[in-house]
Amino acid sequence: MKKKILSELSGALVIIGCSLSDNDSHIYRKINSSKVKTIYISSKETSKKKDYEKAEKFFKGKEIILFDRKTITYELPSIDAGNTQ
């Protein structure tokens, strides 16, 4: 399997658990040079405005969508064998 590098990505990207600080600017530059159009970023409800402003600073020209980090789950959905819908 070929290893993908950030600058080769396209489509959408989800970022979870990022402080959006200057020390990661080398990563943001690679993302900006990619064909990623939309970036989904987890954020605390109380810091959405500040996080959006930071994201706009680092990801110019990309669509930024913030989502509440409390909505993230790492559990697989349960499958009800009797439910066919």
Protein backbone atom coordinates (compact mmCIF):
# COMPACT_ATOMS: atom_id res chain seq x y z
CA MET A 1 0.00 0.00 0.00
CA LYS A 2 1.35 3.39 -0.98
CA LYS A 3 1.92 5.80 1.90
CA LYS A 4 0.03 9.07 1.38
CA ILE A 5 1.55 12.33 2.42
CA LEU A 6 -0.45 15.35 3.51
CA SER A 7 0.16 17.34 0.35
CA GLU A 8 -1.32 14.50 -1.76
CA LEU A 9 -4.66 14.42 0.05
CA SER A 10 -7.89 15.55 -1.60
CA GLY A 11 -11.54 15.93 -0.67
CA ALA A 12 -12.25 16.46 3.02
CA LEU A 13 -10.09 16.18 6.13
CA VAL A 14 -11.16 15.70 9.76
CA ILE A 15 -8.93 17.07 12.51
CA ILE A 16 -9.57 15.90 16.07
CA GLY A 17 -7.68 17.16 19.10
CA CYS A 18 -5.66 20.01 17.64
CA SER A 19 -4.82 23.28 19.39
CA LEU A 20 -4.42 25.15 16.09
CA SER A 21 -1.18 26.70 17.27
CA ASP A 22 1.82 28.04 15.38
CA ASN A 23 4.02 25.09 16.35
CA ASP A 24 2.07 22.93 13.86
CA SER A 25 2.32 25.42 10.99
CA HIS A 26 4.55 23.03 9.00
CA ILE A 27 1.62 20.58 8.96
CA TYR A 28 -0.87 23.29 7.97
CA ARG A 29 1.34 24.32 5.05
CA LYS A 30 1.25 20.75 3.70
CA ILE A 31 -2.54 20.64 4.07
CA ASN A 32 -2.83 23.99 2.29
CA SER A 33 -0.77 22.70 -0.61
CA SER A 34 -3.10 19.71 -0.95
CA LYS A 35 -6.37 19.40 -2.86
CA VAL A 36 -8.35 19.19 0.40
CA LYS A 37 -11.31 21.53 0.03
CA THR A 38 -13.12 21.08 3.34
CA ILE A 39 -11.63 20.74 6.81
CA TYR A 40 -13.76 19.54 9.71
CA ILE A 41 -12.25 20.48 13.08
CA SER A 42 -13.38 19.37 16.53
CA SER A 43 -13.88 22.23 18.95
CA LYS A 44 -15.29 22.98 22.38
CA GLU A 45 -18.61 24.77 22.19
CA THR A 46 -17.20 27.54 24.40
CA SER A 47 -14.22 28.23 22.12
CA LYS A 48 -15.82 27.91 18.67
CA LYS A 49 -15.35 31.56 17.72
CA LYS A 50 -11.66 31.59 18.69
CA ASP A 51 -11.03 28.22 17.01
CA TYR A 52 -12.72 29.36 13.81
CA GLU A 53 -10.57 32.49 13.69
CA LYS A 54 -7.41 30.39 14.17
CA ALA A 55 -8.51 27.90 11.51
CA GLU A 56 -9.16 30.71 9.03
CA LYS A 57 -5.66 32.03 9.71
CA PHE A 58 -4.00 28.67 9.03
CA PHE A 59 -6.25 27.29 6.28
CA LYS A 60 -6.83 30.18 3.87
CA GLY A 61 -9.03 29.25 0.93
CA LYS A 62 -10.36 26.08 2.57
CA GLU A 63 -13.91 25.55 3.79
CA ILE A 64 -13.80 25.27 7.60
CA ILE A 65 -16.50 23.40 9.50
CA LEU A 66 -16.27 23.14 13.28
CA PHE A 67 -18.10 20.43 15.18
CA ASP A 68 -18.63 19.85 18.89
CA ARG A 69 -15.93 17.54 20.18
CA LYS A 70 -18.43 15.99 22.61
CA THR A 71 -20.21 14.39 19.65
CA ILE A 72 -17.22 12.18 18.80
CA THR A 73 -17.52 8.51 19.63
CA TYR A 74 -15.11 5.68 19.05
CA GLU A 75 -17.67 2.97 19.65
CA LEU A 76 -19.08 0.96 16.80
CA PRO A 77 -22.81 1.37 16.34
CA SER A 78 -24.84 -1.55 17.59
CA ILE A 79 -26.49 -3.59 14.88
CA ASP A 80 -29.99 -4.78 15.62
CA ALA A 81 -30.47 -7.99 13.64
CA GLY A 82 -34.24 -7.62 13.77
CA ASN A 83 -34.20 -4.11 12.35
CA THR A 84 -33.94 -4.04 8.54
CA GLN A 85 -34.24 -0.30 8.07
